Amino acid sequence: MKKVKKIKIKINGKFKFISDNTSLLKLVNDLKIPLKKVAIELNHEIMDKKKLNKKILNKNDRVEIVHFIGGG
Protein backbone atom coordinates (compact mmCIF):
# COMPACT_ATOMS: atom_id res chain seq x y z
CA MET A 1 0.00 0.00 0.00
CA LYS A 2 1.37 3.38 -1.03
CA LYS A 3 1.83 5.90 1.76
CA VAL A 4 0.33 9.33 1.08
CA LYS A 5 2.89 12.09 1.36
CA LYS A 6 1.79 15.07 3.45
CA ILE A 7 2.89 18.66 3.10
CA LYS A 8 2.46 21.57 5.51
CA ILE A 9 0.71 24.74 4.39
CA LYS A 10 -0.67 27.73 6.25
CA ILE A 11 -4.37 28.60 5.94
CA ASN A 12 -5.56 31.89 7.44
CA GLY A 13 -2.59 31.89 9.81
CA LYS A 14 -2.93 28.26 10.97
CA PHE A 15 -0.73 25.36 9.89
CA LYS A 16 -2.43 22.37 8.27
CA PHE A 17 -1.11 19.13 6.79
CA ILE A 18 -2.64 18.13 3.47
CA SER A 19 -1.95 15.39 0.94
CA ASP A 20 0.72 16.10 -1.64
CA ASN A 21 -0.73 17.02 -5.07
CA THR A 22 -3.83 18.67 -3.56
CA SER A 23 -5.36 21.35 -5.77
CA LEU A 24 -6.58 24.62 -4.33
CA LEU A 25 -10.11 23.68 -5.42
CA LYS A 26 -9.95 20.36 -3.52
CA LEU A 27 -8.73 22.19 -0.41
CA VAL A 28 -11.63 24.67 -0.57
CA ASN A 29 -14.11 21.83 -1.14
CA ASP A 30 -12.62 19.77 1.73
CA LEU A 31 -13.01 22.78 4.03
CA LYS A 32 -16.66 23.06 2.89
CA ILE A 33 -16.24 26.69 1.91
CA PRO A 34 -18.78 28.10 -0.59
CA LEU A 35 -16.74 29.46 -3.50
CA LYS A 36 -19.26 32.17 -4.37
CA LYS A 37 -18.82 33.86 -0.99
CA VAL A 38 -15.03 34.02 -0.71
CA ALA A 39 -11.88 35.49 -2.22
CA ILE A 40 -8.82 33.22 -2.23
CA GLU A 41 -5.25 34.41 -2.03
CA LEU A 42 -2.24 32.13 -2.52
CA ASN A 43 1.16 33.49 -1.49
CA HIS A 44 -0.15 37.09 -1.61
CA GLU A 45 -1.72 36.65 -5.07
CA ILE A 46 -5.48 36.72 -5.64
CA MET A 47 -6.48 33.54 -7.45
CA ASP A 48 -8.85 33.27 -10.41
CA LYS A 49 -11.58 30.87 -9.27
CA LYS A 50 -11.70 29.30 -12.75
CA LYS A 51 -8.09 28.13 -12.30
CA LEU A 52 -8.31 26.67 -8.78
CA ASN A 53 -8.41 23.09 -10.06
CA LYS A 54 -5.13 23.58 -11.94
CA LYS A 55 -3.27 25.18 -9.02
CA ILE A 56 -1.50 22.45 -7.03
CA LEU A 57 -0.44 23.42 -3.52
CA ASN A 58 3.20 23.17 -2.51
CA LYS A 59 4.99 22.85 0.82
CA ASN A 60 4.88 26.10 2.86
CA ASP A 61 2.26 27.76 0.64
CA ARG A 62 0.22 30.43 2.40
CA VAL A 63 -3.51 30.45 1.67
CA GLU A 64 -5.83 33.22 2.82
CA ILE A 65 -9.57 32.71 2.40
CA VAL A 66 -11.64 35.84 2.99
CA HIS A 67 -15.43 35.65 3.34
CA PHE A 68 -17.60 38.37 1.85
CA ILE A 69 -20.02 39.85 4.37
CA GLY A 70 -22.94 41.92 3.20
CA GLY A 71 -24.14 44.87 5.12
CA GLY A 72 -25.32 48.40 4.83
PDB file of N, CA and C in Angstrom:
ATOM      1  N   MET A   1       0.844  -1.186   0.000  1.00  0.00           N
ATOM      2  CA  MET A   1       0.000   0.000   0.000  1.00  0.00           C
ATOM      3  C   MET A   1       0.886   1.245   0.000  1.00  0.00           C
ATOM      4  N   LYS A   2       0.574   2.165  -0.892  1.00  0.00           N
ATOM      5  CA  LYS A   2       1.372   3.378  -1.030  1.00  0.00           C
ATOM      6  C   LYS A   2       1.017   4.376   0.074  1.00  0.00           C
ATOM      7  N   LYS A   3       2.050   4.914   0.711  1.00  0.00           N
ATOM      8  CA  LYS A   3       1.830   5.898   1.763  1.00  0.00           C
ATOM      9  C   LYS A   3       1.624   7.269   1.127  1.00  0.00           C
ATOM     10  N   VAL A   4       0.617   7.998   1.607  1.00  0.00           N
ATOM     11  CA  VAL A   4       0.328   9.327   1.078  1.00  0.00           C
ATOM     12  C   VAL A   4       1.282  10.330   1.715  1.00  0.00           C
ATOM     13  N   LYS A   5       1.966  11.073   0.872  1.00  0.00           N
ATOM     14  CA  LYS A   5       2.893  12.085   1.363  1.00  0.00           C
ATOM     15  C   LYS A   5       2.101  13.321   1.786  1.00  0.00           C
ATOM     16  N   LYS A   6       2.460  13.873   2.937  1.00  0.00           N
ATOM     17  CA  LYS A   6       1.787  15.071   3.447  1.00  0.00           C
ATOM     18  C   LYS A   6       2.716  16.263   3.344  1.00  0.00           C
ATOM     19  N   ILE A   7       2.129  17.424   3.091  1.00  0.00           N
ATOM     20  CA  ILE A   7       2.887  18.665   3.099  1.00  0.00           C
ATOM     21  C   ILE A   7       2.223  19.637   4.069  1.00  0.00           C
ATOM     22  N   LYS A   8       2.991  20.593   4.560  1.00  0.00           N
ATOM     23  CA  LYS A   8       2.458  21.570   5.515  1.00  0.00           C
ATOM     24  C   LYS A   8       2.245  22.894   4.799  1.00  0.00           C
ATOM     25  N   ILE A   9       1.027  23.427   4.929  1.00  0.00           N
ATOM     26  CA  ILE A   9       0.711  24.742   4.386  1.00  0.00           C
ATOM     27  C   ILE A   9       0.129  25.581   5.517  1.00  0.00           C
ATOM     28  N   LYS A  10      -0.070  26.838   5.251  1.00  0.00           N
ATOM     29  CA  LYS A  10      -0.671  27.727   6.249  1.00  0.00           C
ATOM     30  C   LYS A  10      -1.961  28.288   5.657  1.00  0.00           C
ATOM     31  N   ILE A  11      -3.065  28.099   6.378  1.00  0.00           N
ATOM     32  CA  ILE A  11      -4.369  28.599   5.942  1.00  0.00           C
ATOM     33  C   ILE A  11      -4.870  29.589   6.979  1.00  0.00           C
ATOM     34  N   ASN A  12      -5.081  30.829   6.548  1.00  0.00           N
ATOM     35  CA  ASN A  12      -5.562  31.891   7.440  1.00  0.00           C
ATOM     36  C   ASN A  12      -4.779  31.913   8.750  1.00  0.00           C
ATOM     37  N   GLY A  13      -3.467  31.777   8.643  1.00  0.00           N
ATOM     38  CA  GLY A  13      -2.592  31.891   9.807  1.00  0.00           C
ATOM     39  C   GLY A  13      -2.389  30.618  10.613  1.00  0.00           C
ATOM     40  N   LYS A  14      -3.054  29.522  10.226  1.00  0.00           N
ATOM     41  CA  LYS A  14      -2.925  28.260  10.970  1.00  0.00           C
ATOM     42  C   LYS A  14      -2.301  27.188  10.076  1.00  0.00           C
ATOM     43  N   PHE A  15      -1.371  26.430  10.647  1.00  0.00           N
ATOM     44  CA  PHE A  15      -0.733  25.363   9.887  1.00  0.00           C
ATOM     45  C   PHE A  15      -1.670  24.180   9.726  1.00  0.00           C
ATOM     46  N   LYS A  16      -1.595  23.544   8.547  1.00  0.00           N
ATOM     47  CA  LYS A  16      -2.425  22.372   8.265  1.00  0.00           C
ATOM     48  C   LYS A  16      -1.613  21.434   7.384  1.00  0.00           C
ATOM     49  N   PHE A  17      -1.740  20.136   7.647  1.00  0.00           N
ATOM     50  CA  PHE A  17      -1.108  19.131   6.790  1.00  0.00           C
ATOM     51  C   PHE A  17      -2.146  18.630   5.797  1.00  0.00           C
ATOM     52  N   ILE A  18      -1.757  18.608   4.535  1.00  0.00           N
ATOM     53  CA  ILE A  18      -2.641  18.128   3.473  1.00  0.00           C
ATOM     54  C   ILE A  18      -1.869  17.114   2.628  1.00  0.00           C
ATOM     55  N   SER A  19      -2.589  16.351   1.840  1.00  0.00           N
ATOM     56  CA  SER A  19      -1.954  15.388   0.936  1.00  0.00           C
ATOM     57  C   SER A  19      -1.194  16.128  -0.152  1.00  0.00           C
ATOM     58  N   ASP A  20      -0.045  15.576  -0.522  1.00  0.00           N
ATOM     59  CA  ASP A  20       0.720  16.103  -1.640  1.00  0.00           C
ATOM     60  C   ASP A  20      -0.155  16.037  -2.889  1.00  0.00           C
ATOM     61  N   ASN A  21       0.038  16.943  -3.818  1.00  0.00           N
ATOM     62  CA  ASN A  21      -0.733  17.018  -5.072  1.00  0.00           C
ATOM     63  C   ASN A  21      -2.190  17.418  -4.855  1.00  0.00           C
ATOM     64  N   THR A  22      -2.477  18.167  -3.790  1.00  0.00           N
ATOM     65  CA  THR A  22      -3.828  18.673  -3.557  1.00  0.00           C
ATOM     66  C   THR A  22      -3.993  19.986  -4.309  1.00  0.00           C
ATOM     67  N   SER A  23      -5.096  20.093  -5.062  1.00  0.00           N
ATOM     68  CA  SER A  23      -5.361  21.348  -5.767  1.00  0.00           C
ATOM     69  C   SER A  23      -6.019  22.327  -4.799  1.00  0.00           C
ATOM     70  N   LEU A  24      -5.948  23.590  -5.154  1.00  0.00           N
ATOM     71  CA  LEU A  24      -6.582  24.622  -4.334  1.00  0.00           C
ATOM     72  C   LEU A  24      -8.090  24.409  -4.293  1.00  0.00           C
ATOM     73  N   LEU A  25      -8.665  23.955  -5.388  1.00  0.00           N
ATOM     74  CA  LEU A  25     -10.106  23.675  -5.424  1.00  0.00           C
ATOM     75  C   LEU A  25     -10.462  22.544  -4.464  1.00  0.00           C
ATOM     76  N   LYS A  26      -9.676  21.474  -4.432  1.00  0.00           N
ATOM     77  CA  LYS A  26      -9.949  20.360  -3.516  1.00  0.00           C
ATOM     78  C   LYS A  26      -9.859  20.836  -2.072  1.00  0.00           C
ATOM     79  N   LEU A  27      -8.869  21.665  -1.767  1.00  0.00           N
ATOM     80  CA  LEU A  27      -8.728  22.194  -0.410  1.00  0.00           C
ATOM     81  C   LEU A  27      -9.980  22.970  -0.005  1.00  0.00           C
ATOM     82  N   VAL A  28     -10.437  23.868  -0.868  1.00  0.00           N
ATOM     83  CA  VAL A  28     -11.629  24.674  -0.573  1.00  0.00           C
ATOM     84  C   VAL A  28     -12.844  23.767  -0.396  1.00  0.00           C
ATOM     85  N   ASN A  29     -12.988  22.765  -1.254  1.00  0.00           N
ATOM     86  CA  ASN A  29     -14.112  21.829  -1.135  1.00  0.00           C
ATOM     87  C   ASN A  29     -14.018  21.013   0.151  1.00  0.00           C
ATOM     88  N   ASP A  30     -12.812  20.548   0.501  1.00  0.00           N
ATOM     89  CA  ASP A  30     -12.624  19.771   1.731  1.00  0.00           C
ATOM     90  C   ASP A  30     -12.963  20.592   2.973  1.00  0.00           C
ATOM     91  N   LEU A  31     -12.705  21.895   2.903  1.00  0.00           N
ATOM     92  CA  LEU A  31     -13.011  22.785   4.028  1.00  0.00           C
ATOM     93  C   LEU A  31     -14.476  23.213   4.037  1.00  0.00           C
ATOM     94  N   LYS A  32     -15.231  22.759   3.027  1.00  0.00           N
ATOM     95  CA  LYS A  32     -16.657  23.057   2.889  1.00  0.00           C
ATOM     96  C   LYS A  32     -16.926  24.563   2.852  1.00  0.00           C
ATOM     97  N   ILE A  33     -16.118  25.242   2.055  1.00  0.00           N
ATOM     98  CA  ILE A  33     -16.243  26.689   1.910  1.00  0.00           C
ATOM     99  C   ILE A  33     -16.964  26.981   0.595  1.00  0.00           C
ATOM    100  N   PRO A  34     -18.062  27.768   0.651  1.00  0.00           N
ATOM    101  CA  PRO A  34     -18.784  28.099  -0.587  1.00  0.00           C
ATOM    102  C   PRO A  34     -17.973  29.077  -1.443  1.00  0.00           C
ATOM    103  N   LEU A  35     -17.599  28.655  -2.627  1.00  0.00           N
ATOM    104  CA  LEU A  35     -16.736  29.456  -3.498  1.00  0.00           C
ATOM    105  C   LEU A  35     -17.313  30.823  -3.838  1.00  0.00           C
ATOM    106  N   LYS A  36     -18.631  30.909  -3.949  1.00  0.00           N
ATOM    107  CA  LYS A  36     -19.258  32.168  -4.365  1.00  0.00           C
ATOM    108  C   LYS A  36     -19.129  33.260  -3.311  1.00  0.00           C
ATOM    109  N   LYS A  37     -18.825  32.880  -2.078  1.00  0.00           N
ATOM    110  CA  LYS A  37     -18.819  33.859  -0.986  1.00  0.00           C
ATOM    111  C   LYS A  37     -17.428  34.171  -0.451  1.00  0.00           C
ATOM    112  N   VAL A  38     -16.378  33.800  -1.199  1.00  0.00           N
ATOM    113  CA  VAL A  38     -15.026  34.024  -0.707  1.00  0.00           C
ATOM    114  C   VAL A  38     -14.095  34.547  -1.803  1.00  0.00           C
ATOM    115  N   ALA A  39     -13.014  35.167  -1.347  1.00  0.00           N
ATOM    116  CA  ALA A  39     -11.878  35.487  -2.215  1.00  0.00           C
ATOM    117  C   ALA A  39     -10.727  34.631  -1.701  1.00  0.00           C
ATOM    118  N   ILE A  40      -9.907  34.115  -2.613  1.00  0.00           N
ATOM    119  CA  ILE A  40      -8.819  33.220  -2.229  1.00  0.00           C
ATOM    120  C   ILE A  40      -7.493  33.806  -2.692  1.00  0.00           C
ATOM    121  N   GLU A  41      -6.574  33.875  -1.745  1.00  0.00           N
ATOM    122  CA  GLU A  41      -5.248  34.406  -2.027  1.00  0.00           C
ATOM    123  C   GLU A  41      -4.235  33.297  -1.758  1.00  0.00           C
ATOM    124  N   LEU A  42      -3.305  33.127  -2.686  1.00  0.00           N
ATOM    125  CA  LEU A  42      -2.240  32.134  -2.523  1.00  0.00           C
ATOM    126  C   LEU A  42      -0.909  32.864  -2.621  1.00  0.00           C
ATOM    127  N   ASN A  43      -0.151  32.818  -1.529  1.00  0.00           N
ATOM    128  CA  ASN A  43       1.158  33.488  -1.486  1.00  0.00           C
ATOM    129  C   ASN A  43       1.053  34.951  -1.937  1.00  0.00           C
ATOM    130  N   HIS A  44       0.085  35.654  -1.377  1.00  0.00           N
ATOM    131  CA  HIS A  44      -0.150  37.090  -1.609  1.00  0.00           C
ATOM    132  C   HIS A  44      -0.638  37.414  -3.013  1.00  0.00           C
ATOM    133  N   GLU A  45      -1.190  36.426  -3.716  1.00  0.00           N
ATOM    134  CA  GLU A  45      -1.719  36.648  -5.069  1.00  0.00           C
ATOM    135  C   GLU A  45      -3.170  36.179  -5.111  1.00  0.00           C
ATOM    136  N   ILE A  46      -4.069  37.082  -5.518  1.00  0.00           N
ATOM    137  CA  ILE A  46      -5.483  36.722  -5.642  1.00  0.00           C
ATOM    138  C   ILE A  46      -5.621  35.697  -6.767  1.00  0.00           C
ATOM    139  N   MET A  47      -6.352  34.625  -6.473  1.00  0.00           N
ATOM    140  CA  MET A  47      -6.483  33.540  -7.448  1.00  0.00           C
ATOM    141  C   MET A  47      -7.782  33.670  -8.254  1.00  0.00           C
ATOM    142  N   ASP A  48      -7.691  33.343  -9.537  1.00  0.00           N
ATOM    143  CA  ASP A  48      -8.851  33.270 -10.407  1.00  0.00           C
ATOM    144  C   ASP A  48      -9.577  31.963 -10.073  1.00  0.00           C
ATOM    145  N   LYS A  49     -10.836  32.070  -9.694  1.00  0.00           N
ATOM    146  CA  LYS A  49     -11.582  30.871  -9.270  1.00  0.00           C
ATOM    147  C   LYS A  49     -11.707  29.833 -10.376  1.00  0.00           C
ATOM    148  N   LYS A  50     -11.609  30.247 -11.635  1.00  0.00           N
ATOM    149  CA  LYS A  50     -11.697  29.304 -12.754  1.00  0.00           C
ATOM    150  C   LYS A  50     -10.445  28.437 -12.853  1.00  0.00           C
ATOM    151  N   LYS A  51      -9.360  28.850 -12.197  1.00  0.00           N
ATOM    152  CA  LYS A  51      -8.093  28.129 -12.302  1.00  0.00           C
ATOM    153  C   LYS A  51      -7.720  27.369 -11.027  1.00  0.00           C
ATOM    154  N   LEU A  52      -8.628  27.321 -10.052  1.00  0.00           N
ATOM    155  CA  LEU A  52      -8.312  26.674  -8.775  1.00  0.00           C
ATOM    156  C   LEU A  52      -7.984  25.202  -8.930  1.00  0.00           C
ATOM    157  N   ASN A  53      -8.637  24.527  -9.879  1.00  0.00           N
ATOM    158  CA  ASN A  53      -8.414  23.090 -10.064  1.00  0.00           C
ATOM    159  C   ASN A  53      -7.017  22.808 -10.608  1.00  0.00           C
ATOM    160  N   LYS A  54      -6.455  23.766 -11.331  1.00  0.00           N
ATOM    161  CA  LYS A  54      -5.131  23.578 -11.939  1.00  0.00           C
ATOM    162  C   LYS A  54      -3.996  23.969 -11.002  1.00  0.00           C
ATOM    163  N   LYS A  55      -4.311  24.698  -9.931  1.00  0.00           N
ATOM    164  CA  LYS A  55      -3.271  25.181  -9.019  1.00  0.00           C
ATOM    165  C   LYS A  55      -3.022  24.141  -7.926  1.00  0.00           C
ATOM    166  N   ILE A  56      -1.869  23.472  -8.011  1.00  0.00           N
ATOM    167  CA  ILE A  56      -1.496  22.452  -7.028  1.00  0.00           C
ATOM    168  C   ILE A  56      -0.713  23.117  -5.909  1.00  0.00           C
ATOM    169  N   LEU A  57      -1.096  22.811  -4.680  1.00  0.00           N
ATOM    170  CA  LEU A  57      -0.441  23.419  -3.522  1.00  0.00           C
ATOM    171  C   LEU A  57       0.919  22.786  -3.261  1.00  0.00           C
ATOM    172  N   ASN A  58       1.846  23.602  -2.819  1.00  0.00           N
ATOM    173  CA  ASN A  58       3.204  23.168  -2.508  1.00  0.00           C
ATOM    174  C   ASN A  58       3.510  23.392  -1.038  1.00  0.00           C
ATOM    175  N   LYS A  59       4.547  22.715  -0.563  1.00  0.00           N
ATOM    176  CA  LYS A  59       4.991  22.854   0.821  1.00  0.00           C
ATOM    177  C   LYS A  59       5.208  24.338   1.152  1.00  0.00           C
ATOM    178  N   ASN A  60       4.732  24.737   2.328  1.00  0.00           N
ATOM    179  CA  ASN A  60       4.877  26.098   2.856  1.00  0.00           C
ATOM    180  C   ASN A  60       4.081  27.166   2.117  1.00  0.00           C
ATOM    181  N   ASP A  61       3.137  26.763   1.255  1.00  0.00           N
ATOM    182  CA  ASP A  61       2.260  27.758   0.641  1.00  0.00           C
ATOM    183  C   ASP A  61       1.422  28.420   1.724  1.00  0.00           C
ATOM    184  N   ARG A  62       1.063  29.678   1.468  1.00  0.00           N
ATOM    185  CA  ARG A  62       0.219  30.433   2.396  1.00  0.00           C
ATOM    186  C   ARG A  62      -1.096  30.752   1.691  1.00  0.00           C
ATOM    187  N   VAL A  63      -2.179  30.251   2.247  1.00  0.00           N
ATOM    188  CA  VAL A  63      -3.507  30.449   1.669  1.00  0.00           C
ATOM    189  C   VAL A  63      -4.312  31.338   2.614  1.00  0.00           C
ATOM    190  N   GLU A  64      -4.913  32.366   2.063  1.00  0.00           N
ATOM    191  CA  GLU A  64      -5.831  33.219   2.817  1.00  0.00           C
ATOM    192  C   GLU A  64      -7.186  33.123   2.136  1.00  0.00           C
ATOM    193  N   ILE A  65      -8.210  32.813   2.924  1.00  0.00           N
ATOM    194  CA  ILE A  65      -9.572  32.713   2.402  1.00  0.00           C
ATOM    195  C   ILE A  65     -10.393  33.756   3.149  1.00  0.00           C
ATOM    196  N   VAL A  66     -10.904  34.722   2.387  1.00  0.00           N
ATOM    197  CA  VAL A  66     -11.639  35.837   2.987  1.00  0.00           C
ATOM    198  C   VAL A  66     -13.103  35.726   2.581  1.00  0.00           C
ATOM    199  N   HIS A  67     -13.972  35.726   3.592  1.00  0.00           N
ATOM    200  CA  HIS A  67     -15.428  35.652   3.343  1.00  0.00           C
ATOM    201  C   HIS A  67     -15.991  37.041   3.089  1.00  0.00           C
ATOM    202  N   PHE A  68     -16.900  37.124   2.100  1.00  0.00           N
ATOM    203  CA  PHE A  68     -17.605  38.373   1.853  1.00  0.00           C
ATOM    204  C   PHE A  68     -18.755  38.464   2.841  1.00  0.00           C
ATOM    205  N   ILE A  69     -18.917  39.634   3.427  1.00  0.00           N
ATOM    206  CA  ILE A  69     -20.016  39.849   4.370  1.00  0.00           C
ATOM    207  C   ILE A  69     -20.806  41.064   3.891  1.00  0.00           C
ATOM    208  N   GLY A  70     -22.076  40.816   3.645  1.00  0.00           N
ATOM    209  CA  GLY A  70     -22.942  41.921   3.196  1.00  0.00           C
ATOM    210  C   GLY A  70     -23.349  42.784   4.370  1.00  0.00           C
ATOM    211  N   GLY A  71     -23.700  43.965   4.055  1.00  0.00           N
ATOM    212  CA  GLY A  71     -24.138  44.875   5.120  1.00  0.00           C
ATOM    213  C   GLY A  71     -24.516  46.210   4.513  1.00  0.00           C
ATOM    214  N   GLY A  72     -24.940  47.101   5.383  1.00  0.00           N
ATOM    215  CA  GLY A  72     -25.321  48.397   4.829  1.00  0.00           C
ATOM    216  C   GLY A  72     -25.300  49.456   5.866  1.00  0.00           C
TER     217      GLY A  72
END
